[in-house]
C-alpha cells in the first residue's frame, strides 16, 4: 500500500500516542500532547506529521517553528525537548522516513527558516549535515533491588547520599508545582538564565498526570531544600527540571533528591534512569559522571538554509556573558515576569 504523510489532528491523537508508546525509537517528547503545549503555552506554530500505510501509523515527526529577531528562525523537532526527530517502526522502511524528511524540508523552505533541527537521541541520518557537539545525555539501568542501586553509586557520591539521610532529609511527592517553582526560579536566576513560566509546569502536571511527578526534599522541619520535576515513560524515569535552595549543598539535599527519585522509580518497576541532557564541561555534566553515569553524545543534526554554522543559543556562548551577569542582579519577581518572554524564543 502507498505511504501517505498527514498532519496530526485531534482525531489522530490516540493512534499517534499508541504508536509512540510501542515504537523503540520514540521518546516521551514524541507524545501528541506536546503539540498543544508548545502551541498554547509558548505560542509557536506546530507541525506534527505522521506517515501512514494501510491505516497504520508507521512513523512520526513532531516539529515547531520558533521565530525570534534575537535568536533566529528555526524549524525544530522539538523545542523545549531534549529528544526529537523522526521515530519510525521497523516496518516503516526508508521510504516513510524519506517522505517525512521531504515534507519537513518543503515546510522549512516555505516558512523561510534559517535552519531545520532534528534532536535525535542516538541516530544520525545525514552524515554530511552539521552537528551540535555540545550536548550529551546520561542513561543507566535501574537494578531490580533498591540496595543494589545504592551500592552501584560510586563511593564518594554514595557518601553524599548517606549524608543527606543522616541529616534527616525527607522526600515528598507534591500534588502541585508551587514548591518546585519557587526553588527552580530562584535557582536559575542565581545562574543568570530566565525561568520558564509557571503556567508551563502547571500545564505539564495537568496534561501528563501521574507521568509528570514533582518530588521535593525538605529538612526535618519541613523547609523545602530541593525539588525535581520528572517524567515517566514506558519503563523509564526522566528527571527533567530541578531547583535547589542555597542551603541544599551543605545538607546534601541535591544528592539525596536524586537517590530518592531512583529509589522510588525502582519500587515503581522502572528499568532506566535518564539523567537527561548536559553541556560538556559544566557542573551538571561532572555531577552525573560522579554518579557512575557515562556520557552519551546526542545526535543533533542541522540542515542550514540561511546561516553559516550551527546556532549557539546557550549560556556557554561568550556573547551572552554580559546578559547573564546583568540577569543575576534582577529581583526575582522582575525576572519571573520578564523571563518567559525571552526564554520562549530559545526552545
C-alpha atoms as a PDB file:
ATOM      1  CA  UNK A   1       0.000   0.000   0.000  1.00  0.00           C
ATOM      2  CA  UNK A   2       1.202   3.564  -0.678  1.00  0.00           C
ATOM      3  CA  UNK A   3       2.529   5.651   2.211  1.00  0.00           C
ATOM      4  CA  UNK A   4       0.785   8.928   2.950  1.00  0.00           C
ATOM      5  CA  UNK A   5       2.095  11.825   5.071  1.00  0.00           C
ATOM      6  CA  UNK A   6      -0.562  13.627   7.101  1.00  0.00           C
ATOM      7  CA  UNK A   7      -0.702  16.365   9.750  1.00  0.00           C
ATOM      8  CA  UNK A   8      -1.722  15.390  13.260  1.00  0.00           C
ATOM      9  CA  UNK A   9      -5.250  16.460  14.213  1.00  0.00           C
ATOM     10  CA  UNK A  10      -7.238  15.631  17.386  1.00  0.00           C
ATOM     11  CA  UNK A  11      -8.884  12.570  15.880  1.00  0.00           C
ATOM     12  CA  UNK A  12      -5.444  11.027  15.249  1.00  0.00           C
ATOM     13  CA  UNK A  13      -4.008  11.688  18.739  1.00  0.00           C
ATOM     14  CA  UNK A  14      -4.940   8.352  20.284  1.00  0.00           C
ATOM     15  CA  UNK A  15      -3.414   6.379  17.397  1.00  0.00           C
ATOM     16  CA  UNK A  16      -0.339   8.624  17.398  1.00  0.00           C
ATOM     17  CA  UNK A  17       0.301   8.030  21.110  1.00  0.00           C
ATOM     18  CA  UNK A  18      -0.313   4.293  20.828  1.00  0.00           C
ATOM     19  CA  UNK A  19       2.377   4.195  18.128  1.00  0.00           C
ATOM     20  CA  UNK A  20       4.797   6.315  20.204  1.00  0.00           C
ATOM     21  CA  UNK A  21       4.437   4.076  23.249  1.00  0.00           C
ATOM     22  CA  UNK A  22       5.250   0.997  21.175  1.00  0.00           C
ATOM     23  CA  UNK A  23       7.971   2.381  18.888  1.00  0.00           C
ATOM     24  CA  UNK A  24      11.521   1.790  20.254  1.00  0.00           C
ATOM     25  CA  UNK A  25      12.806   4.967  18.556  1.00  0.00           C
ATOM     26  CA  UNK A  26      10.139   7.184  20.149  1.00  0.00           C
ATOM     27  CA  UNK A  27      10.571   9.114  23.387  1.00  0.00           C
ATOM     28  CA  UNK A  28       8.373  10.913  25.883  1.00  0.00           C
ATOM     29  CA  UNK A  29       8.804  14.038  23.775  1.00  0.00           C
ATOM     30  CA  UNK A  30       7.136  12.447  20.763  1.00  0.00           C
ATOM     31  CA  UNK A  31       3.766  12.251  22.550  1.00  0.00           C
ATOM     32  CA  UNK A  32       0.992  14.225  20.866  1.00  0.00           C
ATOM     33  CA  UNK A  33       0.296  16.433  23.905  1.00  0.00           C
ATOM     34  CA  UNK A  34       3.449  18.431  23.198  1.00  0.00           C
ATOM     35  CA  UNK A  35       1.747  19.895  20.150  1.00  0.00           C
ATOM     36  CA  UNK A  36      -0.847  21.730  22.222  1.00  0.00           C
ATOM     37  CA  UNK A  37       1.642  22.642  24.967  1.00  0.00           C
ATOM     38  CA  UNK A  38       4.117  24.263  22.558  1.00  0.00           C
ATOM     39  CA  UNK A  39       1.321  25.972  20.647  1.00  0.00           C
ATOM     40  CA  UNK A  40      -0.685  27.379  23.555  1.00  0.00           C
ATOM     41  CA  UNK A  41       1.925  27.993  26.274  1.00  0.00           C
ATOM     42  CA  UNK A  42       4.706  29.335  24.034  1.00  0.00           C
ATOM     43  CA  UNK A  43       2.583  30.477  21.066  1.00  0.00           C
ATOM     44  CA  UNK A  44       4.714  28.722  18.444  1.00  0.00           C
ATOM     45  CA  UNK A  45       3.260  27.186  15.309  1.00  0.00           C
ATOM     46  CA  UNK A  46       3.448  23.409  15.347  1.00  0.00           C
ATOM     47  CA  UNK A  47       3.576  20.896  12.504  1.00  0.00           C
ATOM     48  CA  UNK A  48       3.212  17.343  13.780  1.00  0.00           C
ATOM     49  CA  UNK A  49       3.475  14.950  10.840  1.00  0.00           C
ATOM     50  CA  UNK A  50       2.956  11.217  10.552  1.00  0.00           C
ATOM     51  CA  UNK A  51       3.420   8.605   7.845  1.00  0.00           C
ATOM     52  CA  UNK A  52       0.565   6.152   7.394  1.00  0.00           C
ATOM     53  CA  UNK A  53       0.274   2.943   5.405  1.00  0.00           C
ATOM     54  CA  UNK A  54      -2.935   0.955   5.082  1.00  0.00           C
ATOM     55  CA  UNK A  55      -4.455   2.866   8.009  1.00  0.00           C
ATOM     56  CA  UNK A  56      -1.496   2.262  10.345  1.00  0.00           C
ATOM     57  CA  UNK A  57       0.877   4.957  11.606  1.00  0.00           C
ATOM     58  CA  UNK A  58       4.439   3.825  10.880  1.00  0.00           C
ATOM     59  CA  UNK A  59       6.496   6.970  11.598  1.00  0.00           C
ATOM     60  CA  UNK A  60       6.052  10.352  13.305  1.00  0.00           C
ATOM     61  CA  UNK A  61       7.845  13.708  13.228  1.00  0.00           C
ATOM     62  CA  UNK A  62       6.891  16.496  15.664  1.00  0.00           C
ATOM     63  CA  UNK A  63       8.016  19.965  14.509  1.00  0.00           C
ATOM     64  CA  UNK A  64       7.592  23.529  15.734  1.00  0.00           C
ATOM     65  CA  UNK A  65       8.595  26.893  14.307  1.00  0.00           C
ATOM     66  CA  UNK A  66      10.497  29.273  16.604  1.00  0.00           C
ATOM     67  CA  UNK A  67      10.872  32.755  15.170  1.00  0.00           C
ATOM     68  CA  UNK A  68      12.818  35.457  17.003  1.00  0.00           C
ATOM     69  CA  UNK A  69      14.699  38.584  15.965  1.00  0.00           C
ATOM     70  CA  UNK A  70      17.217  37.933  18.711  1.00  0.00           C
ATOM     71  CA  UNK A  71      17.747  34.159  18.435  1.00  0.00           C
ATOM     72  CA  UNK A  72      16.842  33.394  14.832  1.00  0.00           C
ATOM     73  CA  UNK A  73      14.227  31.485  12.867  1.00  0.00           C
ATOM     74  CA  UNK A  74      14.137  27.693  13.096  1.00  0.00           C
ATOM     75  CA  UNK A  75      12.012  24.633  12.484  1.00  0.00           C
ATOM     76  CA  UNK A  76      12.859  22.213  15.278  1.00  0.00           C
ATOM     77  CA  UNK A  77      11.967  18.721  16.437  1.00  0.00           C
ATOM     78  CA  UNK A  78      11.273  19.681  19.151  1.00  0.00           C
ATOM     79  CA  UNK A  79      11.786  22.943  21.081  1.00  0.00           C
ATOM     80  CA  UNK A  80      11.797  22.639  24.899  1.00  0.00           C
ATOM     81  CA  UNK A  81      12.520  18.932  24.457  1.00  0.00           C
ATOM     82  CA  UNK A  82      15.914  17.222  24.555  1.00  0.00           C
ATOM     83  CA  UNK A  83      14.921  14.431  22.163  1.00  0.00           C
ATOM     84  CA  UNK A  84      13.030  14.544  18.889  1.00  0.00           C
ATOM     85  CA  UNK A  85      13.486  13.798  15.216  1.00  0.00           C
ATOM     86  CA  UNK A  86      11.755  11.040  13.278  1.00  0.00           C
ATOM     87  CA  UNK A  87      10.585   7.958  15.170  1.00  0.00           C
ATOM     88  CA  UNK A  88       9.846   5.085  12.802  1.00  0.00           C
ATOM     89  CA  UNK A  89       8.794   1.479  13.280  1.00  0.00           C
ATOM     90  CA  UNK A  90      10.947  -1.361  11.975  1.00  0.00           C
ATOM     91  CA  UNK A  91       8.318  -1.971   9.292  1.00  0.00           C
ATOM     92  CA  UNK A  92       8.373   1.633   8.081  1.00  0.00           C
ATOM     93  CA  UNK A  93      11.422   1.279   5.876  1.00  0.00           C
ATOM     94  CA  UNK A  94      13.446   4.076   4.314  1.00  0.00           C
ATOM     95  CA  UNK A  95      10.536   5.321   2.223  1.00  0.00           C
ATOM     96  CA  UNK A  96       8.456   6.553   5.170  1.00  0.00           C
ATOM     97  CA  UNK A  97      11.441   8.358   6.697  1.00  0.00           C
ATOM     98  CA  UNK A  98      12.313   9.929   3.345  1.00  0.00           C
ATOM     99  CA  UNK A  99       8.753  11.148   2.802  1.00  0.00           C
ATOM    100  CA  UNK A 100       8.643  12.786   6.252  1.00  0.00           C
ATOM    101  CA  UNK A 101      12.009  14.436   5.644  1.00  0.00           C
ATOM    102  CA  UNK A 102      10.871  15.709   2.252  1.00  0.00           C
ATOM    103  CA  UNK A 103       7.770  17.217   3.860  1.00  0.00           C
ATOM    104  CA  UNK A 104       9.871  18.829   6.604  1.00  0.00           C
ATOM    105  CA  UNK A 105      12.300  20.276   4.041  1.00  0.00           C
ATOM    106  CA  UNK A 106       9.451  21.675   1.945  1.00  0.00           C
ATOM    107  CA  UNK A 107       7.880  23.180   5.060  1.00  0.00           C
ATOM    108  CA  UNK A 108      11.188  24.718   6.176  1.00  0.00           C
ATOM    109  CA  UNK A 109      11.664  26.358   2.782  1.00  0.00           C
ATOM    110  CA  UNK A 110       8.085  27.596   2.698  1.00  0.00           C
ATOM    111  CA  UNK A 111       8.438  29.151   6.176  1.00  0.00           C
ATOM    112  CA  UNK A 112      11.790  30.680   5.235  1.00  0.00           C
ATOM    113  CA  UNK A 113      13.621  29.388   8.291  1.00  0.00           C
ATOM    114  CA  UNK A 114      17.352  29.702   8.770  1.00  0.00           C
ATOM    115  CA  UNK A 115      17.742  26.066   9.737  1.00  0.00           C
ATOM    116  CA  UNK A 116      15.954  22.769  10.337  1.00  0.00           C
ATOM    117  CA  UNK A 117      16.995  20.916  13.503  1.00  0.00           C
ATOM    118  CA  UNK A 118      16.488  17.262  14.431  1.00  0.00           C
ATOM    119  CA  UNK A 119      17.237  16.498  18.094  1.00  0.00           C
ATOM    120  CA  UNK A 120      17.876  12.797  17.616  1.00  0.00           C
ATOM    121  CA  UNK A 121      18.639  10.684  20.661  1.00  0.00           C
ATOM    122  CA  UNK A 122      21.123   8.332  19.020  1.00  0.00           C
ATOM    123  CA  UNK A 123      20.702   8.114  15.269  1.00  0.00           C
ATOM    124  CA  UNK A 124      22.482  10.299  12.722  1.00  0.00           C
ATOM    125  CA  UNK A 125      20.557  10.185   9.459  1.00  0.00           C
ATOM    126  CA  UNK A 126      22.667  12.662   7.471  1.00  0.00           C
ATOM    127  CA  UNK A 127      26.428  12.252   7.782  1.00  0.00           C
ATOM    128  CA  UNK A 128      27.006  15.368   5.687  1.00  0.00           C
ATOM    129  CA  UNK A 129      24.878  17.693   7.850  1.00  0.00           C
ATOM    130  CA  UNK A 130      26.472  19.902  10.538  1.00  0.00           C
ATOM    131  CA  UNK A 131      26.036  18.651  14.119  1.00  0.00           C
ATOM    132  CA  UNK A 132      25.891  20.104  17.602  1.00  0.00           C
ATOM    133  CA  UNK A 133      28.676  18.556  19.666  1.00  0.00           C
ATOM    134  CA  UNK A 134      27.960  20.427  22.905  1.00  0.00           C
ATOM    135  CA  UNK A 135      25.344  18.137  24.429  1.00  0.00           C
ATOM    136  CA  UNK A 136      25.411  14.639  25.874  1.00  0.00           C
ATOM    137  CA  UNK A 137      22.832  12.592  27.727  1.00  0.00           C
ATOM    138  CA  UNK A 138      23.232  10.195  30.648  1.00  0.00           C
ATOM    139  CA  UNK A 139      21.201   6.976  30.785  1.00  0.00           C
ATOM    140  CA  UNK A 140      21.736   3.978  33.047  1.00  0.00           C
ATOM    141  CA  UNK A 141      19.959   0.793  34.056  1.00  0.00           C
ATOM    142  CA  UNK A 142      17.968   0.757  37.288  1.00  0.00           C
ATOM    143  CA  UNK A 143      18.699  -2.513  39.077  1.00  0.00           C
ATOM    144  CA  UNK A 144      15.763  -4.551  40.420  1.00  0.00           C
ATOM    145  CA  UNK A 145      16.761  -4.212  44.107  1.00  0.00           C
ATOM    146  CA  UNK A 146      16.882  -0.855  45.908  1.00  0.00           C
ATOM    147  CA  UNK A 147      20.055  -1.646  47.853  1.00  0.00           C
ATOM    148  CA  UNK A 148      21.825  -2.772  44.673  1.00  0.00           C
ATOM    149  CA  UNK A 149      21.219   0.675  43.205  1.00  0.00           C
ATOM    150  CA  UNK A 150      22.672   2.316  46.306  1.00  0.00           C
ATOM    151  CA  UNK A 151      25.795   0.156  46.083  1.00  0.00           C
ATOM    152  CA  UNK A 152      26.130   0.934  42.352  1.00  0.00           C
ATOM    153  CA  UNK A 153      26.677   4.631  43.145  1.00  0.00           C
ATOM    154  CA  UNK A 154      30.434   5.382  43.323  1.00  0.00           C
ATOM    155  CA  UNK A 155      31.728   5.565  46.889  1.00  0.00           C
ATOM    156  CA  UNK A 156      32.237   9.324  47.222  1.00  0.00           C
ATOM    157  CA  UNK A 157      28.827  10.138  45.773  1.00  0.00           C
ATOM    158  CA  UNK A 158      27.212   7.408  47.873  1.00  0.00           C
ATOM    159  CA  UNK A 159      28.682   9.092  50.940  1.00  0.00           C
ATOM    160  CA  UNK A 160      26.855  12.296  49.963  1.00  0.00           C
ATOM    161  CA  UNK A 161      23.559  10.407  49.699  1.00  0.00           C
ATOM    162  CA  UNK A 162      24.124   8.903  53.140  1.00  0.00           C
ATOM    163  CA  UNK A 163      24.973  12.373  54.458  1.00  0.00           C
ATOM    164  CA  UNK A 164      21.557  13.557  53.301  1.00  0.00           C
ATOM    165  CA  UNK A 165      19.919  10.618  55.032  1.00  0.00           C
ATOM    166  CA  UNK A 166      21.897  11.312  58.222  1.00  0.00           C
ATOM    167  CA  UNK A 167      20.788  14.968  58.103  1.00  0.00           C
ATOM    168  CA  UNK A 168      17.186  13.797  58.432  1.00  0.00           C
ATOM    169  CA  UNK A 169      16.097  14.920  54.980  1.00  0.00           C
ATOM    170  CA  UNK A 170      12.664  13.795  53.792  1.00  0.00           C
ATOM    171  CA  UNK A 171      11.262  13.422  50.252  1.00  0.00           C
ATOM    172  CA  UNK A 172       7.663  14.256  49.368  1.00  0.00           C
ATOM    173  CA  UNK A 173       5.570  13.833  46.215  1.00  0.00           C
ATOM    174  CA  UNK A 174       3.819  17.172  45.652  1.00  0.00           C
ATOM    175  CA  UNK A 175       0.355  17.494  44.161  1.00  0.00           C
ATOM    176  CA  UNK A 176       1.248  20.815  42.502  1.00  0.00           C
ATOM    177  CA  UNK A 177       4.277  22.750  41.282  1.00  0.00           C
ATOM    178  CA  UNK A 178       4.319  25.546  43.866  1.00  0.00           C
ATOM    179  CA  UNK A 179       7.318  24.482  45.957  1.00  0.00           C
ATOM    180  CA  UNK A 180       9.131  23.253  42.873  1.00  0.00           C
ATOM    181  CA  UNK A 181       8.708  26.539  41.005  1.00  0.00           C
ATOM    182  CA  UNK A 182       9.880  28.634  43.956  1.00  0.00           C
ATOM    183  CA  UNK A 183      13.124  26.649  44.146  1.00  0.00           C
ATOM    184  CA  UNK A 184      13.561  26.360  40.369  1.00  0.00           C
ATOM    185  CA  UNK A 185      13.020  30.048  39.548  1.00  0.00           C
ATOM    186  CA  UNK A 186      15.371  31.227  42.307  1.00  0.00           C
ATOM    187  CA  UNK A 187      17.977  28.679  41.200  1.00  0.00           C
ATOM    188  CA  UNK A 188      18.040  29.683  37.529  1.00  0.00           C
ATOM    189  CA  UNK A 189      18.174  33.370  38.488  1.00  0.00           C
ATOM    190  CA  UNK A 190      21.332  32.711  40.528  1.00  0.00           C
ATOM    191  CA  UNK A 191      22.811  31.140  37.389  1.00  0.00           C
ATOM    192  CA  UNK A 192      21.819  34.135  35.257  1.00  0.00           C
ATOM    193  CA  UNK A 193      19.221  32.497  32.996  1.00  0.00           C
ATOM    194  CA  UNK A 194      15.499  33.268  32.561  1.00  0.00           C
ATOM    195  CA  UNK A 195      12.944  30.889  34.056  1.00  0.00           C
ATOM    196  CA  UNK A 196      10.238  29.184  32.071  1.00  0.00           C
ATOM    197  CA  UNK A 197       6.753  30.352  33.082  1.00  0.00           C
ATOM    198  CA  UNK A 198       4.977  28.696  35.989  1.00  0.00           C
ATOM    199  CA  UNK A 199       1.988  28.027  33.732  1.00  0.00           C
ATOM    200  CA  UNK A 200       4.219  25.715  31.657  1.00  0.00           C
ATOM    201  CA  UNK A 201       4.908  23.464  34.633  1.00  0.00           C
ATOM    202  CA  UNK A 202       1.279  23.614  35.707  1.00  0.00           C
ATOM    203  CA  UNK A 203       0.302  22.565  32.224  1.00  0.00           C
ATOM    204  CA  UNK A 204       2.771  19.659  32.235  1.00  0.00           C
ATOM    205  CA  UNK A 205       1.347  18.391  35.529  1.00  0.00           C
ATOM    206  CA  UNK A 206      -2.251  18.753  34.356  1.00  0.00           C
ATOM    207  CA  UNK A 207      -1.584  17.134  30.970  1.00  0.00           C
ATOM    208  CA  UNK A 208       0.553  14.162  31.910  1.00  0.00           C
ATOM    209  CA  UNK A 209      -0.921  13.423  35.343  1.00  0.00           C
ATOM    210  CA  UNK A 210       0.941  10.667  37.203  1.00  0.00           C
ATOM    211  CA  UNK A 211       3.532  10.548  34.408  1.00  0.00           C
ATOM    212  CA  UNK A 212       4.665  14.030  35.498  1.00  0.00           C
ATOM    213  CA  UNK A 213       5.810  13.926  39.113  1.00  0.00           C
ATOM    214  CA  UNK A 214       7.195  16.582  41.442  1.00  0.00           C
ATOM    215  CA  UNK A 215       9.484  15.334  44.226  1.00  0.00           C
ATOM    216  CA  UNK A 216      10.531  17.861  46.861  1.00  0.00           C
ATOM    217  CA  UNK A 217      13.106  17.346  49.603  1.00  0.00           C
ATOM    218  CA  UNK A 218      12.729  19.135  52.924  1.00  0.00           C
ATOM    219  CA  UNK A 219      14.733  19.223  56.123  1.00  0.00           C
ATOM    220  CA  UNK A 220      13.332  17.695  59.303  1.00  0.00           C
ATOM    221  CA  UNK A 221      11.419  20.918  59.992  1.00  0.00           C
ATOM    222  CA  UNK A 222       9.694  20.882  56.608  1.00  0.00           C
ATOM    223  CA  UNK A 223      11.745  23.628  54.921  1.00  0.00           C
ATOM    224  CA  UNK A 224      11.935  22.976  51.134  1.00  0.00           C
ATOM    225  CA  UNK A 225      15.532  22.500  50.011  1.00  0.00           C
ATOM    226  CA  UNK A 226      15.491  20.809  46.617  1.00  0.00           C
ATOM    227  CA  UNK A 227      12.895  19.763  44.050  1.00  0.00           C
ATOM    228  CA  UNK A 228      12.728  17.930  40.727  1.00  0.00           C
ATOM    229  CA  UNK A 229      10.013  17.557  38.109  1.00  0.00           C
ATOM    230  CA  UNK A 230      10.287  14.191  36.352  1.00  0.00           C
ATOM    231  CA  UNK A 231       8.567  12.376  33.508  1.00  0.00           C
ATOM    232  CA  UNK A 232       7.727   8.676  33.403  1.00  0.00           C
ATOM    233  CA  UNK A 233       7.608   6.956  30.026  1.00  0.00           C
ATOM    234  CA  UNK A 234       7.305   3.217  29.494  1.00  0.00           C
ATOM    235  CA  UNK A 235       9.887   1.794  31.941  1.00  0.00           C
ATOM    236  CA  UNK A 236      11.978   4.978  32.220  1.00  0.00           C
ATOM    237  CA  UNK A 237      12.126   7.895  34.634  1.00  0.00           C
ATOM    238  CA  UNK A 238      13.422  11.235  33.319  1.00  0.00           C
ATOM    239  CA  UNK A 239      14.276  13.932  35.892  1.00  0.00           C
ATOM    240  CA  UNK A 240      13.884  16.997  33.696  1.00  0.00           C
ATOM    241  CA  UNK A 241      13.675  20.282  35.630  1.00  0.00           C
ATOM    242  CA  UNK A 242      15.153  20.908  39.071  1.00  0.00           C
ATOM    243  CA  UNK A 243      15.886  23.630  41.587  1.00  0.00           C
ATOM    244  CA  UNK A 244      17.753  23.935  44.872  1.00  0.00           C
ATOM    245  CA  UNK A 245      17.900  26.321  47.801  1.00  0.00           C
ATOM    246  CA  UNK A 246      21.297  27.794  48.682  1.00  0.00           C
ATOM    247  CA  UNK A 247      21.331  25.577  51.791  1.00  0.00           C
ATOM    248  CA  UNK A 248      20.874  22.393  49.738  1.00  0.00           C
ATOM    249  CA  UNK A 249      24.573  21.908  49.011  1.00  0.00           C
ATOM    250  CA  UNK A 250      25.683  21.896  52.642  1.00  0.00           C
ATOM    251  CA  UNK A 251      22.970  19.397  53.616  1.00  0.00           C
ATOM    252  CA  UNK A 252      23.495  17.162  50.530  1.00  0.00           C
ATOM    253  CA  UNK A 253      19.859  17.697  49.542  1.00  0.00           C
ATOM    254  CA  UNK A 254      20.551  17.508  45.813  1.00  0.00           C
ATOM    255  CA  UNK A 255      22.238  14.087  46.105  1.00  0.00           C
ATOM    256  CA  UNK A 256      19.505  12.836  48.421  1.00  0.00           C
ATOM    257  CA  UNK A 257      16.851  14.079  45.981  1.00  0.00           C
ATOM    258  CA  UNK A 258      18.130  12.038  43.058  1.00  0.00           C
ATOM    259  CA  UNK A 259      18.630   8.976  45.234  1.00  0.00           C
ATOM    260  CA  UNK A 260      15.045   9.217  46.446  1.00  0.00           C
ATOM    261  CA  UNK A 261      13.858   9.541  42.861  1.00  0.00           C
ATOM    262  CA  UNK A 262      15.887   6.487  41.856  1.00  0.00           C
ATOM    263  CA  UNK A 263      14.649   4.526  44.864  1.00  0.00           C
ATOM    264  CA  UNK A 264      11.017   5.350  44.177  1.00  0.00           C
ATOM    265  CA  UNK A 265      11.447   4.599  40.460  1.00  0.00           C
ATOM    266  CA  UNK A 266      12.954   1.211  41.327  1.00  0.00           C
ATOM    267  CA  UNK A 267      10.000   0.418  43.570  1.00  0.00           C
ATOM    268  CA  UNK A 268       7.697   1.534  40.757  1.00  0.00           C
ATOM    269  CA  UNK A 269       9.299  -1.015  38.429  1.00  0.00           C
ATOM    270  CA  UNK A 270      11.290   1.356  36.211  1.00  0.00           C
ATOM    271  CA  UNK A 271      14.347  -0.045  34.462  1.00  0.00           C
ATOM    272  CA  UNK A 272      16.093   3.068  33.068  1.00  0.00           C
ATOM    273  CA  UNK A 273      17.178   6.258  34.834  1.00  0.00           C
ATOM    274  CA  UNK A 274      17.580   9.013  32.244  1.00  0.00           C
ATOM    275  CA  UNK A 275      19.617  11.744  33.934  1.00  0.00           C
ATOM    276  CA  UNK A 276      18.989  13.985  30.952  1.00  0.00           C
ATOM    277  CA  UNK A 277      20.965  16.372  28.808  1.00  0.00           C
ATOM    278  CA  UNK A 278      24.000  18.332  29.967  1.00  0.00           C
ATOM    279  CA  UNK A 279      26.545  20.540  28.293  1.00  0.00           C
ATOM    280  CA  UNK A 280      30.071  19.136  28.188  1.00  0.00           C
ATOM    281  CA  UNK A 281      32.373  20.721  30.745  1.00  0.00           C
ATOM    282  CA  UNK A 282      29.662  22.027  33.075  1.00  0.00           C
ATOM    283  CA  UNK A 283      28.887  21.299  36.725  1.00  0.00           C
ATOM    284  CA  UNK A 284      25.822  19.119  35.924  1.00  0.00           C
ATOM    285  CA  UNK A 285      27.968  17.094  33.498  1.00  0.00           C
ATOM    286  CA  UNK A 286      30.511  16.355  36.240  1.00  0.00           C
ATOM    287  CA  UNK A 287      27.797  15.675  38.820  1.00  0.00           C
ATOM    288  CA  UNK A 288      26.182  12.988  36.657  1.00  0.00           C
ATOM    289  CA  UNK A 289      29.534  11.371  35.879  1.00  0.00           C
ATOM    290  CA  UNK A 290      30.222  11.218  39.613  1.00  0.00           C
ATOM    291  CA  UNK A 291      27.085   9.121  39.943  1.00  0.00           C
ATOM    292  CA  UNK A 292      28.626   6.498  37.675  1.00  0.00           C
ATOM    293  CA  UNK A 293      26.750   7.510  34.512  1.00  0.00           C
ATOM    294  CA  UNK A 294      28.658   7.615  31.250  1.00  0.00           C
ATOM    295  CA  UNK A 295      28.020  10.482  28.787  1.00  0.00           C
ATOM    296  CA  UNK A 296      26.372   9.561  25.526  1.00  0.00           C
ATOM    297  CA  UNK A 297      26.697  12.104  22.681  1.00  0.00           C
ATOM    298  CA  UNK A 298      23.382  13.393  21.417  1.00  0.00           C
ATOM    299  CA  UNK A 299      22.871  13.209  17.673  1.00  0.00           C
ATOM    300  CA  UNK A 300      21.609  16.727  16.968  1.00  0.00           C
ATOM    301  CA  UNK A 301      21.819  17.485  13.246  1.00  0.00           C
ATOM    302  CA  UNK A 302      21.028  20.586  11.206  1.00  0.00           C
ATOM    303  CA  UNK A 303      20.043  21.454   7.677  1.00  0.00           C
ATOM    304  CA  UNK A 304      21.258  25.026   7.140  1.00  0.00           C
ATOM    305  CA  UNK A 305      19.381  27.293   4.751  1.00  0.00           C
ATOM    306  CA  UNK A 306      20.262  30.879   5.705  1.00  0.00           C
ATOM    307  CA  UNK A 307      23.095  30.626   8.209  1.00  0.00           C
ATOM    308  CA  UNK A 308      26.752  29.653   8.038  1.00  0.00           C
ATOM    309  CA  UNK A 309      27.018  27.493  11.157  1.00  0.00           C
ATOM    310  CA  UNK A 310      25.145  25.660  13.882  1.00  0.00           C
ATOM    311  CA  UNK A 311      23.329  28.113  16.214  1.00  0.00           C
ATOM    312  CA  UNK A 312      24.740  28.525  19.729  1.00  0.00           C
ATOM    313  CA  UNK A 313      21.784  29.873  21.699  1.00  0.00           C
ATOM    314  CA  UNK A 314      23.019  28.688  25.085  1.00  0.00           C
ATOM    315  CA  UNK A 315      24.760  30.167  28.159  1.00  0.00           C
ATOM    316  CA  UNK A 316      28.138  28.800  27.038  1.00  0.00           C
ATOM    317  CA  UNK A 317      28.190  31.344  24.193  1.00  0.00           C
ATOM    318  CA  UNK A 318      30.564  34.184  25.197  1.00  0.00           C
ATOM    319  CA  UNK A 319      28.300  36.816  23.633  1.00  0.00           C
ATOM    320  CA  UNK A 320      25.729  36.210  26.397  1.00  0.00           C
ATOM    321  CA  UNK A 321      28.134  36.807  29.307  1.00  0.00           C
ATOM    322  CA  UNK A 322      27.077  40.411  29.853  1.00  0.00           C
ATOM    323  CA  UNK A 323      23.398  39.467  29.728  1.00  0.00           C
ATOM    324  CA  UNK A 324      23.934  36.664  32.277  1.00  0.00           C
ATOM    325  CA  UNK A 325      25.804  38.981  34.640  1.00  0.00           C
ATOM    326  CA  UNK A 326      23.004  41.561  34.393  1.00  0.00           C
ATOM    327  CA  UNK A 327      20.237  38.990  34.812  1.00  0.00           C
ATOM    328  CA  UNK A 328      21.694  37.723  38.089  1.00  0.00           C
ATOM    329  CA  UNK A 329      21.124  41.170  39.622  1.00  0.00           C
ATOM    330  CA  UNK A 330      17.402  41.319  38.879  1.00  0.00           C
ATOM    331  CA  UNK A 331      14.830  40.945  41.656  1.00  0.00           C
ATOM    332  CA  UNK A 332      13.168  37.524  41.489  1.00  0.00           C
ATOM    333  CA  UNK A 333       9.722  38.962  40.766  1.00  0.00           C
ATOM    334  CA  UNK A 334      11.014  41.015  37.846  1.00  0.00           C
ATOM    335  CA  UNK A 335      12.967  38.069  36.426  1.00  0.00           C
ATOM    336  CA  UNK A 336       9.929  35.775  36.624  1.00  0.00           C
ATOM    337  CA  UNK A 337       7.763  38.363  34.891  1.00  0.00           C
ATOM    338  CA  UNK A 338      10.172  39.180  32.067  1.00  0.00           C
ATOM    339  CA  UNK A 339      11.950  35.830  31.676  1.00  0.00           C
ATOM    340  CA  UNK A 340       9.156  33.869  29.948  1.00  0.00           C
ATOM    341  CA  UNK A 341       9.065  36.392  27.099  1.00  0.00           C
ATOM    342  CA  UNK A 342      12.760  35.736  26.438  1.00  0.00           C
ATOM    343  CA  UNK A 343      13.034  32.015  27.044  1.00  0.00           C
ATOM    344  CA  UNK A 344      10.040  31.173  24.821  1.00  0.00           C
ATOM    345  CA  UNK A 345      12.251  32.026  21.846  1.00  0.00           C
ATOM    346  CA  UNK A 346      15.153  29.840  22.892  1.00  0.00           C
ATOM    347  CA  UNK A 347      13.398  26.469  22.747  1.00  0.00           C
END
